[in-house]
Structures are given as structure tokens and as C-alpha cells.
Amino acid sequence: MPRKKEDMIVDAAVERALANLGGVLSPGALESLRRSGRLALKLDPRAQEIIRMLKDRPSVQRSGILGTSDEEEDDDGALGGGRER
């Protein structure tokens, strides 16, 4: 089952926030911070608003083709699935 786009956005934000801590903290401490970060982003109303905006933003799948839904993203860039610019 493909992961939700919201989860991928949250995971990417958490990984960016923790990127410089890998050499300082133990793997267990990093995983604890990952869980806390994910939970905080999923519960904060402002963070959810930003995640919705990012999720709804069209993604470029191929040069000149924009994807507009999760279904089209799972399509692996098949022609005809997106709008041309």
C-alpha cells in the first residue's frame, strides 16, 4: 500500500529537522525524537494547514506534466495523467 502524501511530508520535515543530530545522539534517542516530531506535526493545527497546502500543490512528474492527485502520483508518470503546462 502506498504511503499517504501527508505522511511523506511529515517524515521529510522531521528528517530535515534531525539531520545534524545523527552524529550526536544515539539511534534510540533519534527514533524517540522522530516519533515526537511526527506526533507534534500531526496534532498541531498550524502544521496541519501547511501540510494540506503542500499536499494539494501539484507535483511535476515529467517535464511539462503536472500531477494533481495521489492517484496520478502512483501512476509512475504515465502519459495523459496530468495537465500540460
PDB file of N, CA and C in Angstrom:
ATOM      1  N   MET A   1       0.854  -1.182   0.000  1.00  0.00           N
ATOM      2  CA  MET A   1       0.000   0.000   0.000  1.00  0.00           C
ATOM      3  C   MET A   1       0.896   1.240   0.000  1.00  0.00           C
ATOM      4  N   PRO A   2       0.664   2.170  -0.928  1.00  0.00           N
ATOM      5  CA  PRO A   2       1.478   3.389  -0.972  1.00  0.00           C
ATOM      6  C   PRO A   2       1.243   4.255   0.264  1.00  0.00           C
ATOM      7  N   ARG A   3       2.288   4.939   0.671  1.00  0.00           N
ATOM      8  CA  ARG A   3       2.172   5.823   1.824  1.00  0.00           C
ATOM      9  C   ARG A   3       1.410   7.076   1.437  1.00  0.00           C
ATOM     10  N   LYS A   4       0.708   7.654   2.409  1.00  0.00           N
ATOM     11  CA  LYS A   4      -0.016   8.893   2.182  1.00  0.00           C
ATOM     12  C   LYS A   4       0.977  10.023   1.969  1.00  0.00           C
ATOM     13  N   LYS A   5       0.585  10.961   1.121  1.00  0.00           N
ATOM     14  CA  LYS A   5       1.453  12.097   0.852  1.00  0.00           C
ATOM     15  C   LYS A   5       1.691  12.915   2.128  1.00  0.00           C
ATOM     16  N   GLU A   6       0.663  12.996   2.994  1.00  0.00           N
ATOM     17  CA  GLU A   6       0.813  13.738   4.251  1.00  0.00           C
ATOM     18  C   GLU A   6       1.924  13.118   5.100  1.00  0.00           C
ATOM     19  N   ASP A   7       1.966  11.784   5.162  1.00  0.00           N
ATOM     20  CA  ASP A   7       2.987  11.101   5.949  1.00  0.00           C
ATOM     21  C   ASP A   7       4.377  11.354   5.376  1.00  0.00           C
ATOM     22  N   MET A   8       4.489  11.368   4.066  1.00  0.00           N
ATOM     23  CA  MET A   8       5.785  11.616   3.442  1.00  0.00           C
ATOM     24  C   MET A   8       6.255  13.042   3.722  1.00  0.00           C
ATOM     25  N   ILE A   9       5.335  14.006   3.725  1.00  0.00           N
ATOM     26  CA  ILE A   9       5.682  15.400   4.024  1.00  0.00           C
ATOM     27  C   ILE A   9       6.144  15.527   5.471  1.00  0.00           C
ATOM     28  N   VAL A  10       5.410  14.906   6.387  1.00  0.00           N
ATOM     29  CA  VAL A  10       5.765  14.955   7.809  1.00  0.00           C
ATOM     30  C   VAL A  10       7.129  14.294   8.024  1.00  0.00           C
ATOM     31  N   ASP A  11       7.330  13.111   7.441  1.00  0.00           N
ATOM     32  CA  ASP A  11       8.604  12.413   7.612  1.00  0.00           C
ATOM     33  C   ASP A  11       9.771  13.234   7.078  1.00  0.00           C
ATOM     34  N   ALA A  12       9.590  13.865   5.921  1.00  0.00           N
ATOM     35  CA  ALA A  12      10.659  14.685   5.342  1.00  0.00           C
ATOM     36  C   ALA A  12      10.988  15.876   6.243  1.00  0.00           C
ATOM     37  N   ALA A  13       9.963  16.500   6.809  1.00  0.00           N
ATOM     38  CA  ALA A  13      10.191  17.645   7.698  1.00  0.00           C
ATOM     39  C   ALA A  13      10.934  17.211   8.956  1.00  0.00           C
ATOM     40  N   VAL A  14      10.555  16.077   9.516  1.00  0.00           N
ATOM     41  CA  VAL A  14      11.217  15.578  10.727  1.00  0.00           C
ATOM     42  C   VAL A  14      12.669  15.219  10.418  1.00  0.00           C
ATOM     43  N   GLU A  15      12.909  14.557   9.299  1.00  0.00           N
ATOM     44  CA  GLU A  15      14.283  14.180   8.944  1.00  0.00           C
ATOM     45  C   GLU A  15      15.164  15.410   8.714  1.00  0.00           C
ATOM     46  N   ARG A  16      14.604  16.454   8.084  1.00  0.00           N
ATOM     47  CA  ARG A  16      15.367  17.704   7.910  1.00  0.00           C
ATOM     48  C   ARG A  16      15.713  18.314   9.258  1.00  0.00           C
ATOM     49  N   ALA A  17      14.757  18.295  10.167  1.00  0.00           N
ATOM     50  CA  ALA A  17      14.987  18.894  11.482  1.00  0.00           C
ATOM     51  C   ALA A  17      16.045  18.129  12.273  1.00  0.00           C
ATOM     52  N   LEU A  18      16.152  16.821  12.072  1.00  0.00           N
ATOM     53  CA  LEU A  18      17.071  15.998  12.851  1.00  0.00           C
ATOM     54  C   LEU A  18      18.371  15.679  12.116  1.00  0.00           C
ATOM     55  N   ALA A  19      18.523  16.191  10.916  1.00  0.00           N
ATOM     56  CA  ALA A  19      19.655  15.817  10.060  1.00  0.00           C
ATOM     57  C   ALA A  19      21.012  16.003  10.731  1.00  0.00           C
ATOM     58  N   ASN A  20      21.208  17.042  11.481  1.00  0.00           N
ATOM     59  CA  ASN A  20      22.515  17.327  12.073  1.00  0.00           C
ATOM     60  C   ASN A  20      22.739  16.642  13.414  1.00  0.00           C
ATOM     61  N   LEU A  21      21.760  15.893  13.884  1.00  0.00           N
ATOM     62  CA  LEU A  21      21.887  15.264  15.200  1.00  0.00           C
ATOM     63  C   LEU A  21      22.340  13.817  15.133  1.00  0.00           C
ATOM     64  N   GLY A  22      22.472  13.260  13.938  1.00  0.00           N
ATOM     65  CA  GLY A  22      22.822  11.855  13.778  1.00  0.00           C
ATOM     66  C   GLY A  22      24.132  11.466  14.429  1.00  0.00           C
ATOM     67  N   GLY A  23      25.118  12.326  14.390  1.00  0.00           N
ATOM     68  CA  GLY A  23      26.406  12.005  14.984  1.00  0.00           C
ATOM     69  C   GLY A  23      26.490  12.324  16.463  1.00  0.00           C
ATOM     70  N   VAL A  24      25.459  12.955  16.998  1.00  0.00           N
ATOM     71  CA  VAL A  24      25.495  13.400  18.394  1.00  0.00           C
ATOM     72  C   VAL A  24      24.651  12.508  19.304  1.00  0.00           C
ATOM     73  N   LEU A  25      23.504  12.077  18.791  1.00  0.00           N
ATOM     74  CA  LEU A  25      22.572  11.298  19.607  1.00  0.00           C
ATOM     75  C   LEU A  25      22.607   9.820  19.241  1.00  0.00           C
ATOM     76  N   SER A  26      22.200   8.996  20.181  1.00  0.00           N
ATOM     77  CA  SER A  26      22.127   7.553  19.935  1.00  0.00           C
ATOM     78  C   SER A  26      20.958   7.265  18.989  1.00  0.00           C
ATOM     79  N   PRO A  27      20.998   6.121  18.307  1.00  0.00           N
ATOM     80  CA  PRO A  27      19.882   5.761  17.427  1.00  0.00           C
ATOM     81  C   PRO A  27      18.537   5.727  18.164  1.00  0.00           C
ATOM     82  N   GLY A  28      18.548   5.274  19.401  1.00  0.00           N
ATOM     83  CA  GLY A  28      17.308   5.238  20.191  1.00  0.00           C
ATOM     84  C   GLY A  28      16.764   6.625  20.470  1.00  0.00           C
ATOM     85  N   ALA A  29      17.664   7.550  20.805  1.00  0.00           N
ATOM     86  CA  ALA A  29      17.243   8.930  21.073  1.00  0.00           C
ATOM     87  C   ALA A  29      16.713   9.573  19.792  1.00  0.00           C
ATOM     88  N   LEU A  30      17.383   9.303  18.661  1.00  0.00           N
ATOM     89  CA  LEU A  30      16.906   9.850  17.386  1.00  0.00           C
ATOM     90  C   LEU A  30      15.521   9.323  17.044  1.00  0.00           C
ATOM     91  N   GLU A  31      15.288   8.043  17.247  1.00  0.00           N
ATOM     92  CA  GLU A  31      13.980   7.463  16.941  1.00  0.00           C
ATOM     93  C   GLU A  31      12.910   8.053  17.845  1.00  0.00           C
ATOM     94  N   SER A  32      13.246   8.285  19.100  1.00  0.00           N
ATOM     95  CA  SER A  32      12.299   8.918  20.021  1.00  0.00           C
ATOM     96  C   SER A  32      11.937  10.331  19.546  1.00  0.00           C
ATOM     97  N   LEU A  33      12.944  11.082  19.103  1.00  0.00           N
ATOM     98  CA  LEU A  33      12.687  12.429  18.572  1.00  0.00           C
ATOM     99  C   LEU A  33      11.870  12.368  17.287  1.00  0.00           C
ATOM    100  N   ARG A  34      12.129  11.364  16.445  1.00  0.00           N
ATOM    101  CA  ARG A  34      11.324  11.207  15.221  1.00  0.00           C
ATOM    102  C   ARG A  34       9.849  11.002  15.558  1.00  0.00           C
ATOM    103  N   ARG A  35       9.599  10.093  16.502  1.00  0.00           N
ATOM    104  CA  ARG A  35       8.203   9.830  16.897  1.00  0.00           C
ATOM    105  C   ARG A  35       7.553  11.085  17.469  1.00  0.00           C
ATOM    106  N   SER A  36       8.278  11.790  18.336  1.00  0.00           N
ATOM    107  CA  SER A  36       7.739  13.013  18.937  1.00  0.00           C
ATOM    108  C   SER A  36       7.490  14.083  17.876  1.00  0.00           C
ATOM    109  N   GLY A  37       8.414  14.223  16.943  1.00  0.00           N
ATOM    110  CA  GLY A  37       8.257  15.211  15.870  1.00  0.00           C
ATOM    111  C   GLY A  37       7.069  14.911  14.979  1.00  0.00           C
ATOM    112  N   ARG A  38       6.927  13.638  14.613  1.00  0.00           N
ATOM    113  CA  ARG A  38       5.778  13.253  13.776  1.00  0.00           C
ATOM    114  C   ARG A  38       4.455  13.541  14.492  1.00  0.00           C
ATOM    115  N   LEU A  39       4.402  13.154  15.750  1.00  0.00           N
ATOM    116  CA  LEU A  39       3.182  13.369  16.527  1.00  0.00           C
ATOM    117  C   LEU A  39       2.870  14.860  16.652  1.00  0.00           C
ATOM    118  N   ALA A  40       3.886  15.650  16.945  1.00  0.00           N
ATOM    119  CA  ALA A  40       3.678  17.096  17.081  1.00  0.00           C
ATOM    120  C   ALA A  40       3.150  17.702  15.779  1.00  0.00           C
ATOM    121  N   LEU A  41       3.722  17.298  14.641  1.00  0.00           N
ATOM    122  CA  LEU A  41       3.266  17.851  13.359  1.00  0.00           C
ATOM    123  C   LEU A  41       1.864  17.378  13.002  1.00  0.00           C
ATOM    124  N   LYS A  42       1.513  16.168  13.401  1.00  0.00           N
ATOM    125  CA  LYS A  42       0.179  15.650  13.094  1.00  0.00           C
ATOM    126  C   LYS A  42      -0.898  16.256  13.989  1.00  0.00           C
ATOM    127  N   LEU A  43      -0.512  16.744  15.175  1.00  0.00           N
ATOM    128  CA  LEU A  43      -1.503  17.286  16.114  1.00  0.00           C
ATOM    129  C   LEU A  43      -1.626  18.806  16.061  1.00  0.00           C
ATOM    130  N   ASP A  44      -0.610  19.488  15.585  1.00  0.00           N
ATOM    131  CA  ASP A  44      -0.630  20.948  15.576  1.00  0.00           C
ATOM    132  C   ASP A  44      -1.497  21.464  14.427  1.00  0.00           C
ATOM    133  N   PRO A  45      -2.525  22.266  14.725  1.00  0.00           N
ATOM    134  CA  PRO A  45      -3.421  22.761  13.673  1.00  0.00           C
ATOM    135  C   PRO A  45      -2.697  23.597  12.607  1.00  0.00           C
ATOM    136  N   ARG A  46      -1.734  24.399  13.005  1.00  0.00           N
ATOM    137  CA  ARG A  46      -0.994  25.212  12.025  1.00  0.00           C
ATOM    138  C   ARG A  46      -0.158  24.320  11.117  1.00  0.00           C
ATOM    139  N   ALA A  47       0.488  23.331  11.697  1.00  0.00           N
ATOM    140  CA  ALA A  47       1.279  22.400  10.894  1.00  0.00           C
ATOM    141  C   ALA A  47       0.376  21.649   9.926  1.00  0.00           C
ATOM    142  N   GLN A  48      -0.811  21.250  10.374  1.00  0.00           N
ATOM    143  CA  GLN A  48      -1.739  20.539   9.500  1.00  0.00           C
ATOM    144  C   GLN A  48      -2.183  21.404   8.322  1.00  0.00           C
ATOM    145  N   GLU A  49      -2.367  22.688   8.566  1.00  0.00           N
ATOM    146  CA  GLU A  49      -2.736  23.607   7.488  1.00  0.00           C
ATOM    147  C   GLU A  49      -1.630  23.676   6.431  1.00  0.00           C
ATOM    148  N   ILE A  50      -0.395  23.767   6.892  1.00  0.00           N
ATOM    149  CA  ILE A  50       0.743  23.824   5.963  1.00  0.00           C
ATOM    150  C   ILE A  50       0.872  22.507   5.207  1.00  0.00           C
ATOM    151  N   ILE A  51       0.709  21.396   5.893  1.00  0.00           N
ATOM    152  CA  ILE A  51       0.795  20.085   5.249  1.00  0.00           C
ATOM    153  C   ILE A  51      -0.286  19.944   4.186  1.00  0.00           C
ATOM    154  N   ARG A  52      -1.498  20.417   4.470  1.00  0.00           N
ATOM    155  CA  ARG A  52      -2.579  20.375   3.470  1.00  0.00           C
ATOM    156  C   ARG A  52      -2.216  21.186   2.241  1.00  0.00           C
ATOM    157  N   MET A  53      -1.636  22.371   2.456  1.00  0.00           N
ATOM    158  CA  MET A  53      -1.241  23.210   1.320  1.00  0.00           C
ATOM    159  C   MET A  53      -0.163  22.507   0.490  1.00  0.00           C
ATOM    160  N   LEU A  54       0.804  21.899   1.153  1.00  0.00           N
ATOM    161  CA  LEU A  54       1.865  21.192   0.431  1.00  0.00           C
ATOM    162  C   LEU A  54       1.322  19.969  -0.292  1.00  0.00           C
ATOM    163  N   LYS A  55       0.406  19.270   0.341  1.00  0.00           N
ATOM    164  CA  LYS A  55      -0.179  18.065  -0.251  1.00  0.00           C
ATOM    165  C   LYS A  55      -0.975  18.401  -1.503  1.00  0.00           C
ATOM    166  N   ASP A  56      -1.692  19.507  -1.470  1.00  0.00           N
ATOM    167  CA  ASP A  56      -2.558  19.884  -2.582  1.00  0.00           C
ATOM    168  C   ASP A  56      -1.814  20.562  -3.724  1.00  0.00           C
ATOM    169  N   ARG A  57      -0.550  20.915  -3.495  1.00  0.00           N
ATOM    170  CA  ARG A  57       0.245  21.566  -4.528  1.00  0.00           C
ATOM    171  C   ARG A  57       0.571  20.543  -5.616  1.00  0.00           C
ATOM    172  N   PRO A  58       0.360  20.904  -6.884  1.00  0.00           N
ATOM    173  CA  PRO A  58       0.679  19.962  -7.955  1.00  0.00           C
ATOM    174  C   PRO A  58       2.170  19.634  -7.958  1.00  0.00           C
ATOM    175  N   SER A  59       2.479  18.398  -8.272  1.00  0.00           N
ATOM    176  CA  SER A  59       3.882  17.997  -8.360  1.00  0.00           C
ATOM    177  C   SER A  59       4.255  17.779  -9.820  1.00  0.00           C
ATOM    178  N   VAL A  60       5.464  18.135 -10.173  1.00  0.00           N
ATOM    179  CA  VAL A  60       5.931  17.920 -11.540  1.00  0.00           C
ATOM    180  C   VAL A  60       6.381  16.481 -11.645  1.00  0.00           C
ATOM    181  N   GLN A  61       5.738  15.733 -12.533  1.00  0.00           N
ATOM    182  CA  GLN A  61       6.071  14.328 -12.690  1.00  0.00           C
ATOM    183  C   GLN A  61       7.038  14.104 -13.846  1.00  0.00           C
ATOM    184  N   ARG A  62       6.860  14.841 -14.896  1.00  0.00           N
ATOM    185  CA  ARG A  62       7.742  14.819 -16.041  1.00  0.00           C
ATOM    186  C   ARG A  62       7.759  16.239 -16.572  1.00  0.00           C
ATOM    187  N   SER A  63       8.733  16.549 -17.304  1.00  0.00           N
ATOM    188  CA  SER A  63       8.832  17.900 -17.832  1.00  0.00           C
ATOM    189  C   SER A  63       7.541  18.285 -18.536  1.00  0.00           C
ATOM    190  N   GLY A  64       6.893  19.329 -18.031  1.00  0.00           N
ATOM    191  CA  GLY A  64       5.672  19.832 -18.653  1.00  0.00           C
ATOM    192  C   GLY A  64       4.398  19.147 -18.209  1.00  0.00           C
ATOM    193  N   ILE A  65       4.464  18.126 -17.358  1.00  0.00           N
ATOM    194  CA  ILE A  65       3.261  17.431 -16.902  1.00  0.00           C
ATOM    195  C   ILE A  65       3.142  17.609 -15.394  1.00  0.00           C
ATOM    196  N   LEU A  66       1.988  18.103 -14.947  1.00  0.00           N
ATOM    197  CA  LEU A  66       1.742  18.310 -13.519  1.00  0.00           C
ATOM    198  C   LEU A  66       0.800  17.242 -13.001  1.00  0.00           C
ATOM    199  N   GLY A  67       1.113  16.655 -11.855  1.00  0.00           N
ATOM    200  CA  GLY A  67       0.206  15.732 -11.193  1.00  0.00           C
ATOM    201  C   GLY A  67      -0.643  16.502 -10.208  1.00  0.00           C
ATOM    202  N   THR A  68      -1.899  16.093 -10.058  1.00  0.00           N
ATOM    203  CA  THR A  68      -2.778  16.834  -9.158  1.00  0.00           C
ATOM    204  C   THR A  68      -3.435  15.962  -8.099  1.00  0.00           C
ATOM    205  N   SER A  69      -3.201  14.654  -8.112  1.00  0.00           N
ATOM    206  CA  SER A  69      -3.814  13.824  -7.087  1.00  0.00           C
ATOM    207  C   SER A  69      -2.888  12.686  -6.729  1.00  0.00           C
ATOM    208  N   ASP A  70      -3.171  12.044  -5.585  1.00  0.00           N
ATOM    209  CA  ASP A  70      -2.370  10.903  -5.154  1.00  0.00           C
ATOM    210  C   ASP A  70      -2.444   9.777  -6.180  1.00  0.00           C
ATOM    211  N   GLU A  71      -3.609   9.618  -6.805  1.00  0.00           N
ATOM    212  CA  GLU A  71      -3.779   8.568  -7.801  1.00  0.00           C
ATOM    213  C   GLU A  71      -2.813   8.744  -8.961  1.00  0.00           C
ATOM    214  N   GLU A  72      -2.634   9.985  -9.407  1.00  0.00           N
ATOM    215  CA  GLU A  72      -1.732  10.245 -10.520  1.00  0.00           C
ATOM    216  C   GLU A  72      -0.294  10.026 -10.114  1.00  0.00           C
ATOM    217  N   GLU A  73       0.045  10.262  -8.849  1.00  0.00           N
ATOM    218  CA  GLU A  73       1.416  10.058  -8.398  1.00  0.00           C
ATOM    219  C   GLU A  73       1.772   8.587  -8.394  1.00  0.00           C
ATOM    220  N   ASP A  74       0.801   7.731  -8.069  1.00  0.00           N
ATOM    221  CA  ASP A  74       1.044   6.300  -8.054  1.00  0.00           C
ATOM    222  C   ASP A  74       1.105   5.737  -9.468  1.00  0.00           C
ATOM    223  N   ASP A  75       0.774   6.549 -10.427  1.00  0.00           N
ATOM    224  CA  ASP A  75       0.680   6.192 -11.826  1.00  0.00           C
ATOM    225  C   ASP A  75       2.066   6.032 -12.467  1.00  0.00           C
ATOM    226  N   ASP A  76       3.144   6.375 -11.770  1.00  0.00           N
ATOM    227  CA  ASP A  76       4.520   6.331 -12.265  1.00  0.00           C
ATOM    228  C   ASP A  76       4.720   7.181 -13.501  1.00  0.00           C
ATOM    229  N   GLY A  77       4.015   8.297 -13.598  1.00  0.00           N
ATOM    230  CA  GLY A  77       4.240   9.247 -14.677  1.00  0.00           C
ATOM    231  C   GLY A  77       3.683   8.830 -16.015  1.00  0.00           C
ATOM    232  N   ALA A  78       2.668   7.981 -16.019  1.00  0.00           N
ATOM    233  CA  ALA A  78       2.082   7.575 -17.299  1.00  0.00           C
ATOM    234  C   ALA A  78       1.531   8.792 -18.021  1.00  0.00           C
ATOM    235  N   LEU A  79       1.675   8.799 -19.319  1.00  0.00           N
ATOM    236  CA  LEU A  79       1.193   9.942 -20.103  1.00  0.00           C
ATOM    237  C   LEU A  79      -0.310  10.067 -20.007  1.00  0.00           C
ATOM    238  N   GLY A  80      -0.783  11.285 -20.070  1.00  0.00           N
ATOM    239  CA  GLY A  80      -2.224  11.541 -20.038  1.00  0.00           C
ATOM    240  C   GLY A  80      -2.759  11.704 -18.637  1.00  0.00           C
ATOM    241  N   GLY A  81      -1.977  11.425 -17.604  1.00  0.00           N
ATOM    242  CA  GLY A  81      -2.455  11.517 -16.240  1.00  0.00           C
ATOM    243  C   GLY A  81      -2.425  12.907 -15.673  1.00  0.00           C
ATOM    244  N   GLY A  82      -1.647  13.789 -16.247  1.00  0.00           N
ATOM    245  CA  GLY A  82      -1.512  15.131 -15.685  1.00  0.00           C
ATOM    246  C   GLY A  82      -1.906  16.192 -16.674  1.00  0.00           C
ATOM    247  N   ARG A  83      -1.836  17.426 -16.219  1.00  0.00           N
ATOM    248  CA  ARG A  83      -2.135  18.556 -17.106  1.00  0.00           C
ATOM    249  C   ARG A  83      -0.828  19.065 -17.681  1.00  0.00           C
ATOM    250  N   GLU A  84      -0.861  19.440 -18.934  1.00  0.00           N
ATOM    251  CA  GLU A  84       0.345  20.002 -19.538  1.00  0.00           C
ATOM    252  C   GLU A  84       0.374  21.487 -19.312  1.00  0.00           C
ATOM    253  N   ARG A  85       1.583  22.009 -19.124  1.00  0.00           N
ATOM    254  CA  ARG A  85       1.741  23.454 -18.938  1.00  0.00           C
ATOM    255  C   ARG A  85       1.770  24.152 -20.261  1.00  0.00           C
TER     256      ARG A  85
END
